[in-house]
Amino acid sequence: MVTPEFRGTLGSAKERESSRVYAIVRCGGRQEKVALDDVVTVDKLPGEVGSSITLPALLVVDGDRVISDPAEVGRYEVTADIVGDAAGPKINMIQYKNKSGYRRRLGHRQRYTQVRITAIGSDTKPKVRAKATAKAEEA
């Protein structure tokens, strides 16, 4: 049996969940669901620890408002800081051919980058910011 106090905490948790802002971003050929202050493991990205990157948003959910129109989502940007590098689990592969004495053992560990989401918001002038970033990279 569920007590009335417990029911009250469930309702408030649902209200907090619906008012949360999150986005679906594209990173490394995959799509990730990210919210503010989340640490996400993505494919290896160039950059040093502490540097900031911008991820393209595909969908933004702001409380009850879902933004999926490409023209409107283009105004939103998701900013993240690189926390560090990570490595995936070791994958062992064995090749064997019967009756020929052929055996081969291989191993692989995929490299990843961990990023912390610092901001999800709309940018009023994305073209100006993109030009400023391009000029900074050239210098």
C-alpha atoms as a PDB file:
ATOM      1  CA  MET A   1       0.000   0.000   0.000  1.00  0.00           C
ATOM      2  CA  VAL A   2       1.257   3.465  -0.899  1.00  0.00           C
ATOM      3  CA  THR A   3       1.056   6.083   1.832  1.00  0.00           C
ATOM      4  CA  PRO A   4      -0.290   9.584   1.054  1.00  0.00           C
ATOM      5  CA  GLU A   5       3.109  11.107   1.861  1.00  0.00           C
ATOM      6  CA  PHE A   6       4.731   8.900  -0.747  1.00  0.00           C
ATOM      7  CA  ARG A   7       2.157   9.893  -3.384  1.00  0.00           C
ATOM      8  CA  GLY A   8       2.949  13.549  -2.756  1.00  0.00           C
ATOM      9  CA  THR A   9       6.650  13.031  -3.443  1.00  0.00           C
ATOM     10  CA  LEU A  10       5.877  11.217  -6.696  1.00  0.00           C
ATOM     11  CA  GLY A  11       3.785  14.122  -7.964  1.00  0.00           C
ATOM     12  CA  SER A  12       6.463  16.682  -7.186  1.00  0.00           C
ATOM     13  CA  ALA A  13       9.117  14.542  -8.901  1.00  0.00           C
ATOM     14  CA  LYS A  14       6.985  14.442 -12.054  1.00  0.00           C
ATOM     15  CA  GLU A  15       6.550  18.212 -11.932  1.00  0.00           C
ATOM     16  CA  ARG A  16      10.306  18.728 -11.587  1.00  0.00           C
ATOM     17  CA  GLU A  17      10.960  16.302 -14.450  1.00  0.00           C
ATOM     18  CA  SER A  18       8.550  18.121 -16.788  1.00  0.00           C
ATOM     19  CA  SER A  19      10.082  21.540 -16.053  1.00  0.00           C
ATOM     20  CA  ARG A  20      13.591  20.308 -16.864  1.00  0.00           C
ATOM     21  CA  VAL A  21      15.337  21.586 -19.988  1.00  0.00           C
ATOM     22  CA  TYR A  22      17.137  19.023 -22.097  1.00  0.00           C
ATOM     23  CA  ALA A  23      18.281  18.618 -25.684  1.00  0.00           C
ATOM     24  CA  ILE A  24      19.099  15.897 -28.170  1.00  0.00           C
ATOM     25  CA  VAL A  25      22.492  16.658 -29.746  1.00  0.00           C
ATOM     26  CA  ARG A  26      24.505  15.056 -32.521  1.00  0.00           C
ATOM     27  CA  CYS A  27      28.036  14.101 -31.603  1.00  0.00           C
ATOM     28  CA  GLY A  28      30.250  11.632 -33.417  1.00  0.00           C
ATOM     29  CA  GLY A  29      27.509  10.156 -35.596  1.00  0.00           C
ATOM     30  CA  ARG A  30      25.337   9.409 -32.572  1.00  0.00           C
ATOM     31  CA  GLN A  31      22.568  11.265 -30.801  1.00  0.00           C
ATOM     32  CA  GLU A  32      22.758  11.931 -27.077  1.00  0.00           C
ATOM     33  CA  LYS A  33      20.166  13.248 -24.632  1.00  0.00           C
ATOM     34  CA  VAL A  34      21.846  15.946 -22.529  1.00  0.00           C
ATOM     35  CA  ALA A  35      20.759  18.273 -19.735  1.00  0.00           C
ATOM     36  CA  LEU A  36      22.567  21.019 -17.860  1.00  0.00           C
ATOM     37  CA  ASP A  37      25.581  19.769 -15.819  1.00  0.00           C
ATOM     38  CA  ASP A  38      25.428  16.252 -17.316  1.00  0.00           C
ATOM     39  CA  VAL A  39      28.717  14.489 -18.012  1.00  0.00           C
ATOM     40  CA  VAL A  40      28.412  12.578 -21.280  1.00  0.00           C
ATOM     41  CA  THR A  41      30.887  10.162 -22.851  1.00  0.00           C
ATOM     42  CA  VAL A  42      31.173  10.720 -26.616  1.00  0.00           C
ATOM     43  CA  ASP A  43      33.551   9.630 -29.379  1.00  0.00           C
ATOM     44  CA  LYS A  44      37.065  11.071 -29.258  1.00  0.00           C
ATOM     45  CA  LEU A  45      37.069  14.839 -29.892  1.00  0.00           C
ATOM     46  CA  PRO A  46      40.044  17.081 -30.644  1.00  0.00           C
ATOM     47  CA  GLY A  47      40.837  19.596 -27.911  1.00  0.00           C
ATOM     48  CA  GLU A  48      42.469  19.947 -24.544  1.00  0.00           C
ATOM     49  CA  VAL A  49      40.923  19.446 -21.124  1.00  0.00           C
ATOM     50  CA  GLY A  50      38.988  22.577 -20.151  1.00  0.00           C
ATOM     51  CA  SER A  51      38.370  23.787 -23.694  1.00  0.00           C
ATOM     52  CA  SER A  52      34.825  24.567 -24.771  1.00  0.00           C
ATOM     53  CA  ILE A  53      32.953  23.023 -27.706  1.00  0.00           C
ATOM     54  CA  THR A  54      29.569  23.634 -29.288  1.00  0.00           C
ATOM     55  CA  LEU A  55      27.310  20.712 -30.213  1.00  0.00           C
ATOM     56  CA  PRO A  56      24.480  21.017 -32.768  1.00  0.00           C
ATOM     57  CA  ALA A  57      21.024  20.552 -31.253  1.00  0.00           C
ATOM     58  CA  LEU A  58      18.469  18.407 -33.062  1.00  0.00           C
ATOM     59  CA  LEU A  59      15.625  18.780 -30.560  1.00  0.00           C
ATOM     60  CA  VAL A  60      15.128  20.965 -27.491  1.00  0.00           C
ATOM     61  CA  VAL A  61      12.580  20.323 -24.727  1.00  0.00           C
ATOM     62  CA  ASP A  62      11.910  23.268 -22.427  1.00  0.00           C
ATOM     63  CA  GLY A  63       9.302  22.166 -19.897  1.00  0.00           C
ATOM     64  CA  ASP A  64       6.144  21.461 -21.907  1.00  0.00           C
ATOM     65  CA  ARG A  65       7.498  23.126 -25.057  1.00  0.00           C
ATOM     66  CA  VAL A  66       9.127  20.805 -27.635  1.00  0.00           C
ATOM     67  CA  ILE A  67      11.194  22.541 -30.316  1.00  0.00           C
ATOM     68  CA  SER A  68      11.908  20.349 -33.328  1.00  0.00           C
ATOM     69  CA  ASP A  69      11.526  22.752 -36.280  1.00  0.00           C
ATOM     70  CA  PRO A  70      14.979  22.945 -37.975  1.00  0.00           C
ATOM     71  CA  ALA A  71      14.741  26.721 -38.405  1.00  0.00           C
ATOM     72  CA  GLU A  72      13.976  27.265 -34.728  1.00  0.00           C
ATOM     73  CA  VAL A  73      16.337  24.588 -33.377  1.00  0.00           C
ATOM     74  CA  GLY A  74      19.157  26.191 -35.393  1.00  0.00           C
ATOM     75  CA  ARG A  75      19.020  29.155 -33.001  1.00  0.00           C
ATOM     76  CA  TYR A  76      19.761  26.916 -30.014  1.00  0.00           C
ATOM     77  CA  GLU A  77      23.259  25.861 -29.132  1.00  0.00           C
ATOM     78  CA  VAL A  78      24.574  23.422 -26.562  1.00  0.00           C
ATOM     79  CA  THR A  79      27.917  24.377 -25.037  1.00  0.00           C
ATOM     80  CA  ALA A  80      30.115  21.809 -23.319  1.00  0.00           C
ATOM     81  CA  ASP A  81      33.527  21.735 -21.640  1.00  0.00           C
ATOM     82  CA  ILE A  82      35.930  18.845 -22.145  1.00  0.00           C
ATOM     83  CA  VAL A  83      36.426  17.064 -18.803  1.00  0.00           C
ATOM     84  CA  GLY A  84      38.922  14.422 -19.901  1.00  0.00           C
ATOM     85  CA  ASP A  85      39.608  11.290 -21.891  1.00  0.00           C
ATOM     86  CA  ALA A  86      38.197   7.846 -21.244  1.00  0.00           C
ATOM     87  CA  ALA A  87      38.628   4.364 -22.655  1.00  0.00           C
ATOM     88  CA  GLY A  88      35.957   1.799 -23.310  1.00  0.00           C
ATOM     89  CA  PRO A  89      36.043  -1.836 -22.270  1.00  0.00           C
ATOM     90  CA  LYS A  90      38.688  -4.150 -23.677  1.00  0.00           C
ATOM     91  CA  ILE A  91      37.361  -6.164 -26.610  1.00  0.00           C
ATOM     92  CA  ASN A  92      39.198  -9.431 -27.223  1.00  0.00           C
ATOM     93  CA  MET A  93      39.004 -11.066 -30.640  1.00  0.00           C
ATOM     94  CA  ILE A  94      40.321 -14.508 -31.482  1.00  0.00           C
ATOM     95  CA  GLN A  95      40.735 -15.835 -35.015  1.00  0.00           C
ATOM     96  CA  TYR A  96      41.117 -19.586 -35.404  1.00  0.00           C
ATOM     97  CA  LYS A  97      41.206 -21.906 -38.387  1.00  0.00           C
ATOM     98  CA  ASN A  98      40.649 -25.575 -37.782  1.00  0.00           C
ATOM     99  CA  LYS A  99      43.347 -28.131 -38.709  1.00  0.00           C
ATOM    100  CA  SER A 100      45.835 -25.522 -39.966  1.00  0.00           C
ATOM    101  CA  GLY A 101      47.474 -24.308 -36.761  1.00  0.00           C
ATOM    102  CA  TYR A 102      46.347 -20.707 -37.373  1.00  0.00           C
ATOM    103  CA  ARG A 103      45.527 -18.768 -34.209  1.00  0.00           C
ATOM    104  CA  ARG A 104      45.511 -15.011 -33.809  1.00  0.00           C
ATOM    105  CA  ARG A 105      44.573 -12.927 -30.789  1.00  0.00           C
ATOM    106  CA  LEU A 106      43.649  -9.253 -31.127  1.00  0.00           C
ATOM    107  CA  GLY A 107      42.532  -6.621 -28.636  1.00  0.00           C
ATOM    108  CA  HIS A 108      40.950  -3.190 -28.942  1.00  0.00           C
ATOM    109  CA  ARG A 109      39.912  -0.370 -26.588  1.00  0.00           C
ATOM    110  CA  GLN A 110      37.831   2.458 -28.033  1.00  0.00           C
ATOM    111  CA  ARG A 111      38.866   5.975 -26.986  1.00  0.00           C
ATOM    112  CA  TYR A 112      36.237   8.428 -25.753  1.00  0.00           C
ATOM    113  CA  THR A 113      36.028  12.010 -24.505  1.00  0.00           C
ATOM    114  CA  GLN A 114      33.973  13.032 -21.487  1.00  0.00           C
ATOM    115  CA  VAL A 115      32.229  16.405 -21.757  1.00  0.00           C
ATOM    116  CA  ARG A 116      30.197  18.397 -19.206  1.00  0.00           C
ATOM    117  CA  ILE A 117      27.205  20.329 -20.561  1.00  0.00           C
ATOM    118  CA  THR A 118      27.508  23.953 -19.410  1.00  0.00           C
ATOM    119  CA  ALA A 119      24.718  25.718 -21.308  1.00  0.00           C
ATOM    120  CA  ILE A 120      21.624  25.022 -23.383  1.00  0.00           C
ATOM    121  CA  GLY A 121      20.200  28.193 -24.817  1.00  0.00           C
ATOM    122  CA  SER A 122      19.181  30.200 -27.820  1.00  0.00           C
ATOM    123  CA  ASP A 123      21.718  32.410 -29.537  1.00  0.00           C
ATOM    124  CA  THR A 124      20.299  35.512 -31.210  1.00  0.00           C
ATOM    125  CA  LYS A 125      23.239  35.944 -33.611  1.00  0.00           C
ATOM    126  CA  PRO A 126      24.726  32.526 -34.467  1.00  0.00           C
ATOM    127  CA  LYS A 127      26.355  33.751 -37.703  1.00  0.00           C
ATOM    128  CA  VAL A 128      28.371  36.474 -35.949  1.00  0.00           C
ATOM    129  CA  ARG A 129      29.578  34.016 -33.313  1.00  0.00           C
ATOM    130  CA  ALA A 130      30.537  31.488 -35.997  1.00  0.00           C
ATOM    131  CA  LYS A 131      32.575  34.125 -37.862  1.00  0.00           C
ATOM    132  CA  ALA A 132      34.330  35.213 -34.656  1.00  0.00           C
ATOM    133  CA  THR A 133      35.180  31.592 -33.852  1.00  0.00           C
ATOM    134  CA  ALA A 134      36.529  30.994 -37.362  1.00  0.00           C
ATOM    135  CA  LYS A 135      38.727  34.108 -37.143  1.00  0.00           C
ATOM    136  CA  ALA A 136      40.058  32.994 -33.757  1.00  0.00           C
ATOM    137  CA  GLU A 137      40.958  29.545 -35.144  1.00  0.00           C
ATOM    138  CA  GLU A 138      42.818  31.081 -38.116  1.00  0.00           C
ATOM    139  CA  ALA A 139      44.964  33.316 -35.884  1.00  0.00           C
END
